[in-house]
Amino acid sequence: MKPYYKDPGGETEIYAQECVSGMNELPEGMIDLIVTSPPYAIGKDYELDQSFGDYLKLLSDFLEAGYRVTKKGGYAVIIFADYYMFAGQFSRVQPMTYLYHLISERIGWVHQCTRVWQKDYATLSDPYTISGNLPKLEAEWIMTLRKPGGGREKVREQVLHGRQIWSTAGIRQSTATLKHHTAAYPEALVKYALEVYTDVNDGVLDPFGGSGTTCAVAKRMGRRSTMFEISPEYLEVAKTRLEQQVFDWDGITKDKQVDFTTDKTVMPEEF
């Protein structure tokens, strides 16, 4: 399996490959943490030909392949929203947290917790109707799964770990990222996950790599990382991002931060 991009030090690898087949080619137990956001039906162009059954099979296959490549005691942090079935006035929502729970526990994952990601709201593309009033999305779910059998007994970031709500509301997202990817999550969210569940030199995997946010953060934090992506445009954005570091870390994460001990948004010199 030849990488689409590999940085000179060998710490970061990007593969132009569908994630399930790609993960099945990786060595078993090489990953400490999976951080990713699978596609979910909120009206994006790349989801239009996907049925709900196709979606559930993708989740099952991805979680099973991810289980194999994760070390015993390793983690998966999955960011997702509920599944929206768009049909005009008959639009409805399929709650996903329990389905994720059932699928992951069947595979062998231990479902440790589900957090809320509070974010700046996104506008839904479907027209509003009185009988199908879908709210603007200002929160998503963060599910933490653990592979049993070993690993550290304590997480390394006690303050972040103990919070049920991880908020990036008001933390400026890179406009350059959003220009090239319509559903990019903020770097601050990945930073939270890596601070809690990994140490320096740990291996991080993003099966749905997109514009390379997970790998970019992992590289700055001294973690090894691997990602899979099939979109030629996103692959090139991720490659450029890692080669040139054109997405400035300070400009994204130091604009505003949340002090989890007080729940207050503070400027960096107060944090």
Protein backbone atom coordinates (compact mmCIF):
# COMPACT_ATOMS: atom_id res chain seq x y z
CA MET A 1 0.00 0.00 0.00
CA LYS A 2 1.74 3.15 -1.25
CA PRO A 3 0.93 6.46 0.47
CA TYR A 4 -0.38 9.41 -1.49
CA TYR A 5 1.81 11.55 0.77
CA LYS A 6 4.36 10.78 3.48
CA ASP A 7 6.21 13.52 5.30
CA PRO A 8 10.04 13.44 5.37
CA GLY A 9 10.17 12.18 8.95
CA GLY A 10 7.64 9.43 8.27
CA GLU A 11 5.31 10.56 11.06
CA THR A 12 2.35 11.38 8.76
CA GLU A 13 0.88 9.25 5.99
CA ILE A 14 -2.05 9.98 3.67
CA TYR A 15 -3.65 7.22 1.62
CA ALA A 16 -5.88 7.75 -1.42
CA GLN A 17 -8.05 4.77 -0.59
CA GLU A 18 -11.44 3.82 0.79
CA CYS A 19 -10.99 3.54 4.53
CA VAL A 20 -12.29 0.02 5.22
CA SER A 21 -10.11 -1.67 2.61
CA GLY A 22 -7.21 0.57 3.65
CA MET A 23 -7.50 -0.26 7.35
CA ASN A 24 -7.64 -3.96 6.52
CA GLU A 25 -4.15 -3.59 5.00
CA LEU A 26 -2.68 -1.93 8.09
CA PRO A 27 -0.93 -4.01 10.78
CA GLU A 28 -3.17 -5.16 13.61
CA GLY A 29 -2.95 -3.10 16.81
CA MET A 30 -0.86 -0.21 15.45
CA ILE A 31 -3.17 2.67 16.43
CA ASP A 32 -3.59 4.31 19.86
CA LEU A 33 -6.50 6.57 18.94
CA ILE A 34 -9.00 6.95 16.11
CA VAL A 35 -10.39 10.47 15.73
CA THR A 36 -12.86 10.93 12.91
CA SER A 37 -16.22 12.17 11.73
CA PRO A 38 -17.95 9.74 9.33
CA PRO A 39 -20.27 11.18 6.68
CA TYR A 40 -23.77 11.77 8.00
CA ALA A 41 -26.86 12.83 6.14
CA ILE A 42 -27.16 16.59 6.59
CA GLY A 43 -27.60 17.38 2.90
CA LYS A 44 -24.02 17.33 1.60
CA ASP A 45 -23.49 16.48 -2.07
CA TYR A 46 -21.38 13.38 -1.33
CA GLU A 47 -24.28 11.81 0.62
CA LEU A 48 -27.03 12.11 -2.00
CA ASP A 49 -26.77 8.55 -3.39
CA GLN A 50 -26.42 6.89 0.00
CA SER A 51 -29.36 5.00 1.52
CA PHE A 52 -29.78 4.63 5.27
CA GLY A 53 -28.97 0.94 4.95
CA ASP A 54 -25.76 1.78 3.08
CA TYR A 55 -24.90 4.23 5.83
CA LEU A 56 -25.36 1.67 8.63
CA LYS A 57 -23.22 -0.87 6.76
CA LEU A 58 -20.48 1.74 6.32
CA LEU A 59 -20.52 2.44 10.06
CA SER A 60 -20.38 -1.25 10.93
CA ASP A 61 -17.55 -1.99 8.49
CA PHE A 62 -15.55 1.06 9.57
CA LEU A 63 -15.92 0.34 13.30
CA GLU A 64 -14.97 -3.30 12.80
CA ALA A 65 -11.87 -2.49 10.73
CA GLY A 66 -10.95 0.23 13.23
CA TYR A 67 -11.24 -2.23 16.11
CA ARG A 68 -8.68 -4.52 14.49
CA VAL A 69 -6.03 -1.81 13.98
CA THR A 70 -6.47 -0.26 17.44
CA LYS A 71 -4.22 -1.40 20.28
CA LYS A 72 -5.69 -3.12 23.31
CA GLY A 73 -6.70 -0.32 25.64
CA GLY A 74 -6.80 2.16 22.73
CA TYR A 75 -9.63 4.55 21.97
CA ALA A 76 -11.92 5.79 19.22
CA VAL A 77 -13.44 9.28 19.39
CA ILE A 78 -16.29 9.49 16.87
CA ILE A 79 -17.95 12.82 16.06
CA PHE A 80 -21.39 12.58 14.49
CA ALA A 81 -24.87 14.06 14.29
CA ASP A 82 -28.30 12.48 14.04
CA TYR A 83 -29.31 11.27 10.59
CA TYR A 84 -31.67 13.58 8.72
CA MET A 85 -34.01 12.08 6.15
CA PHE A 86 -34.91 14.99 3.89
CA ALA A 87 -38.36 14.81 2.29
CA GLY A 88 -39.84 18.31 2.40
CA GLN A 89 -42.74 18.41 4.86
CA PHE A 90 -42.13 14.71 5.63
CA SER A 91 -38.49 15.27 6.71
CA ARG A 92 -37.62 13.47 9.92
CA VAL A 93 -34.67 12.65 12.11
CA GLN A 94 -33.17 9.27 12.98
CA PRO A 95 -31.42 9.44 16.39
CA MET A 96 -27.99 7.84 16.01
CA THR A 97 -26.46 7.56 19.47
CA TYR A 98 -28.08 4.24 20.35
CA LEU A 99 -27.42 2.78 16.89
CA TYR A 100 -23.74 3.64 17.27
CA HIS A 101 -23.86 2.00 20.70
CA LEU A 102 -25.41 -1.21 19.38
CA ILE A 103 -23.04 -1.51 16.43
CA SER A 104 -19.87 -0.76 18.39
CA GLU A 105 -20.69 -3.01 21.36
CA ARG A 106 -21.51 -5.90 18.99
CA ILE A 107 -18.03 -5.56 17.49
CA GLY A 108 -16.35 -5.56 20.89
CA TRP A 109 -15.82 -1.87 21.65
CA VAL A 110 -16.67 -0.66 25.15
CA HIS A 111 -18.88 2.42 24.92
CA GLN A 112 -17.37 4.62 27.63
CA CYS A 113 -19.27 7.89 27.23
CA THR A 114 -21.12 10.22 24.90
CA ARG A 115 -20.30 13.91 25.06
CA VAL A 116 -21.93 16.93 23.45
CA TRP A 117 -19.93 19.05 21.03
CA GLN A 118 -21.25 22.61 21.26
CA LYS A 119 -20.33 24.51 18.10
CA ASP A 120 -21.32 27.53 16.08
CA TYR A 121 -24.53 26.52 14.33
CA ALA A 122 -24.66 25.32 10.75
CA THR A 123 -27.56 26.11 8.41
CA LEU A 124 -29.51 23.18 7.02
CA SER A 125 -29.98 23.13 3.27
CA ASP A 126 -33.53 21.78 3.28
CA PRO A 127 -36.31 24.44 3.18
CA TYR A 128 -38.18 24.89 6.44
CA THR A 129 -41.79 23.75 6.69
CA ILE A 130 -44.23 23.98 9.58
CA SER A 131 -44.69 20.22 9.77
CA GLY A 132 -40.99 19.40 9.42
CA ASN A 133 -39.16 22.05 11.38
CA LEU A 134 -35.53 20.93 11.64
CA PRO A 135 -33.43 23.08 13.97
CA LYS A 136 -30.13 24.67 13.08
CA LEU A 137 -27.32 22.34 14.09
CA GLU A 138 -25.42 23.89 16.99
CA ALA A 139 -24.49 20.63 18.73
CA GLU A 140 -23.29 17.19 17.69
CA TRP A 141 -22.28 14.03 19.55
CA ILE A 142 -18.82 12.81 20.55
CA MET A 143 -18.77 9.11 21.38
CA THR A 144 -15.74 7.59 23.11
CA LEU A 145 -15.12 3.88 22.57
CA ARG A 146 -12.34 1.78 24.11
CA LYS A 147 -10.88 -1.54 23.03
CA PRO A 148 -10.61 -3.73 26.14
CA GLY A 149 -7.54 -5.66 27.20
CA GLY A 150 -4.92 -3.22 28.49
CA GLY A 151 -3.66 0.31 28.11
CA ARG A 152 -3.27 3.19 30.53
CA GLU A 153 -5.42 3.25 33.64
CA LYS A 154 -5.66 7.05 33.73
CA VAL A 155 -6.16 9.68 31.04
CA ARG A 156 -3.57 12.45 30.90
CA GLU A 157 -5.90 15.51 30.91
CA GLN A 158 -8.18 15.32 33.93
CA VAL A 159 -9.98 18.64 33.40
CA LEU A 160 -10.98 17.98 29.79
CA HIS A 161 -11.81 14.34 30.42
CA GLY A 162 -14.30 15.17 33.13
CA ARG A 163 -16.43 17.46 30.99
CA GLN A 164 -19.62 16.27 29.29
CA ILE A 165 -19.71 19.28 26.94
CA TRP A 166 -16.71 20.06 24.72
CA SER A 167 -17.35 23.52 23.32
CA THR A 168 -15.72 25.21 20.35
CA ALA A 169 -18.43 27.87 20.05
CA GLY A 170 -16.74 31.18 19.39
CA ILE A 171 -13.37 29.61 18.53
CA ARG A 172 -12.64 30.80 15.02
CA GLN A 173 -12.52 28.11 12.37
CA SER A 174 -10.04 28.52 9.55
CA THR A 175 -11.87 30.11 6.61
CA ALA A 176 -9.31 28.49 4.31
CA THR A 177 -10.36 25.06 5.62
CA LEU A 178 -14.04 25.77 5.09
CA LYS A 179 -13.34 27.06 1.58
CA HIS A 180 -12.21 23.58 0.56
CA HIS A 181 -14.31 21.34 2.81
CA THR A 182 -17.98 21.90 3.59
CA ALA A 183 -18.00 19.89 6.84
CA ALA A 184 -14.59 20.42 8.42
CA TYR A 185 -14.49 20.25 12.21
CA PRO A 186 -12.28 22.75 14.09
CA GLU A 187 -8.71 21.95 15.05
CA ALA A 188 -9.50 22.76 18.69
CA LEU A 189 -11.83 19.75 18.87
CA VAL A 190 -9.09 17.37 17.70
CA LYS A 191 -6.67 19.00 20.14
CA TYR A 192 -9.05 18.21 23.03
CA ALA A 193 -9.21 14.53 22.02
CA LEU A 194 -5.45 14.16 21.59
CA GLU A 195 -4.76 15.86 24.91
CA VAL A 196 -7.04 13.42 26.76
CA TYR A 197 -6.39 10.12 25.02
CA THR A 198 -2.81 10.21 23.66
CA ASP A 199 0.79 10.94 24.56
CA VAL A 200 3.64 12.15 22.36
CA ASN A 201 4.61 9.61 19.65
CA ASP A 202 1.27 7.77 19.88
CA GLY A 203 -0.35 6.70 16.61
CA VAL A 204 -3.56 8.49 15.49
CA LEU A 205 -5.86 7.43 12.64
CA ASP A 206 -8.56 9.35 10.75
CA PRO A 207 -10.39 6.96 8.38
CA PHE A 208 -12.43 9.82 6.86
CA GLY A 209 -9.55 12.29 6.61
CA GLY A 210 -11.16 15.05 4.53
CA SER A 211 -8.97 18.15 4.45
CA GLY A 212 -6.47 16.68 6.92
CA THR A 213 -7.48 18.40 10.16
CA THR A 214 -6.69 15.40 12.39
CA CYS A 215 -3.27 14.83 10.82
CA ALA A 216 -2.37 18.53 10.92
CA VAL A 217 -3.12 18.74 14.65
CA ALA A 218 -1.38 15.43 15.37
CA LYS A 219 1.75 16.60 13.59
CA ARG A 220 1.93 19.81 15.64
CA MET A 221 1.38 17.85 18.86
CA GLY A 222 4.12 15.28 18.15
CA ARG A 223 1.86 12.33 17.34
CA ARG A 224 2.21 9.96 14.40
CA SER A 225 -0.85 9.93 12.14
CA THR A 226 -2.49 8.14 9.23
CA MET A 227 -5.53 9.16 7.20
CA PHE A 228 -7.61 7.78 4.35
CA GLU A 229 -9.52 9.88 1.82
CA ILE A 230 -10.98 9.24 -1.64
CA SER A 231 -11.70 12.79 -2.84
CA PRO A 232 -8.88 14.05 -5.10
CA GLU A 233 -9.59 17.64 -4.04
CA TYR A 234 -9.45 16.88 -0.31
CA LEU A 235 -6.32 14.77 -0.74
CA GLU A 236 -4.51 17.67 -2.34
CA VAL A 237 -5.70 20.12 0.31
CA ALA A 238 -4.50 17.79 3.09
CA LYS A 239 -1.14 17.25 1.36
CA THR A 240 -0.58 20.98 0.90
CA ARG A 241 -1.66 21.67 4.45
CA LEU A 242 0.88 19.23 5.86
CA GLU A 243 3.68 20.24 3.49
CA GLN A 244 3.38 23.98 3.96
CA GLN A 245 1.51 24.33 7.26
CA VAL A 246 -0.54 27.08 5.62
CA PHE A 247 -3.29 26.75 8.26
CA ASP A 248 -1.92 28.67 11.21
CA TRP A 249 -2.42 26.92 14.56
CA ASP A 250 -2.19 30.09 16.64
CA GLY A 251 -4.68 31.94 14.46
CA ILE A 252 -7.28 29.23 14.97
CA THR A 253 -6.92 28.14 18.59
CA LYS A 254 -5.71 31.25 20.40
CA ASP A 255 -8.44 33.61 19.17
CA LYS A 256 -10.77 32.36 21.92
CA GLN A 257 -10.55 29.39 24.26
CA VAL A 258 -12.79 27.82 26.86
CA ASP A 259 -11.63 27.48 30.45
CA PHE A 260 -13.27 24.18 31.44
CA THR A 261 -12.83 24.91 35.14
CA THR A 262 -15.14 27.95 34.97
CA ASP A 263 -17.04 27.42 31.68
CA LYS A 264 -15.97 30.91 30.64
CA THR A 265 -14.62 31.92 27.27
CA VAL A 266 -11.29 33.63 27.87
CA MET A 267 -8.45 35.18 25.94
CA PRO A 268 -5.25 33.09 25.80
CA GLU A 269 -3.28 35.15 28.33
CA GLU A 270 -5.99 34.32 30.93
CA PHE A 271 -6.20 30.60 30.14
